[in-house]
Amino acid sequence: MEKKQWLINKENYTKEFRKKNYTYLSISLNVHKDTDIIEYLGGIENKTDYLKELIRKDLENKKAPQR
């Protein structure tokens, strides 16, 4: 069955939008050595927001004057 032209246009638009506006990152975790991290992240609903929040907190801590 052939795709409708509007669907093809939408897919192309979405692909181009993501290419221009997003960067994708991934990490590899060892199932034997990183079990604690894998289990912990398994319980987090939105891993992207969680990781961005941790990184932003770390950035803020680095900006704070050191005593």
Protein backbone atom coordinates (compact mmCIF):
# COMPACT_ATOMS: atom_id res chain seq x y z
CA MET A 1 0.00 0.00 0.00
CA GLU A 2 1.34 3.40 -0.96
CA LYS A 3 1.72 6.15 1.64
CA LYS A 4 -0.39 9.26 1.28
CA GLN A 5 1.55 12.32 0.14
CA TRP A 6 0.55 14.35 3.23
CA LEU A 7 2.02 11.63 5.46
CA ILE A 8 5.27 11.62 3.50
CA ASN A 9 5.43 15.42 3.78
CA LYS A 10 4.81 15.28 7.53
CA GLU A 11 7.51 12.64 8.03
CA ASN A 12 10.00 14.68 6.00
CA TYR A 13 9.17 17.86 7.92
CA THR A 14 9.57 16.07 11.26
CA LYS A 15 12.88 14.53 10.18
CA GLU A 16 14.28 17.88 9.07
CA PHE A 17 13.00 19.67 12.18
CA ARG A 18 14.68 17.16 14.47
CA LYS A 19 17.90 17.30 12.46
CA LYS A 20 18.05 21.11 12.83
CA ASN A 21 16.87 21.40 16.44
CA TYR A 22 18.06 18.36 18.38
CA THR A 23 21.22 16.52 19.27
CA TYR A 24 20.97 12.89 20.25
CA LEU A 25 23.28 11.30 22.81
CA SER A 26 23.49 7.78 24.12
CA ILE A 27 25.39 5.94 26.80
CA SER A 28 26.40 2.32 27.11
CA LEU A 29 26.04 0.61 30.46
CA ASN A 30 27.63 -2.71 31.29
CA VAL A 31 24.98 -5.12 32.59
CA HIS A 32 27.53 -6.64 34.98
CA LYS A 33 29.29 -3.54 36.32
CA ASP A 34 26.55 -0.90 36.10
CA THR A 35 23.61 -2.87 37.47
CA ASP A 36 22.95 -0.28 40.17
CA ILE A 37 22.64 2.52 37.61
CA ILE A 38 20.49 0.42 35.28
CA GLU A 39 18.10 -0.48 38.10
CA TYR A 40 17.94 3.09 39.37
CA LEU A 41 17.22 4.58 35.96
CA GLY A 42 14.64 1.87 35.36
CA GLY A 43 12.50 3.44 38.06
CA ILE A 44 12.66 6.94 36.58
CA GLU A 45 9.78 7.77 34.28
CA ASN A 46 11.43 10.58 32.29
CA LYS A 47 15.15 9.87 32.04
CA THR A 48 15.82 12.81 29.73
CA ASP A 49 14.41 15.38 32.14
CA TYR A 50 16.12 13.69 35.08
CA LEU A 51 19.54 13.78 33.43
CA LYS A 52 19.12 17.38 32.24
CA GLU A 53 18.16 18.43 35.77
CA LEU A 54 21.24 16.72 37.23
CA ILE A 55 23.52 18.37 34.68
CA ARG A 56 22.00 21.82 35.24
CA LYS A 57 22.45 21.45 39.02
CA ASP A 58 26.07 20.46 38.45
CA LEU A 59 26.59 23.49 36.20
CA GLU A 60 25.12 25.78 38.87
CA ASN A 61 27.37 24.25 41.53
CA LYS A 62 30.41 24.90 39.36
CA LYS A 63 29.36 28.56 38.95
CA ALA A 64 29.06 29.05 42.72
CA PRO A 65 32.18 30.49 44.34
CA GLN A 66 34.35 27.88 46.03
CA ARG A 67 35.27 28.44 49.68
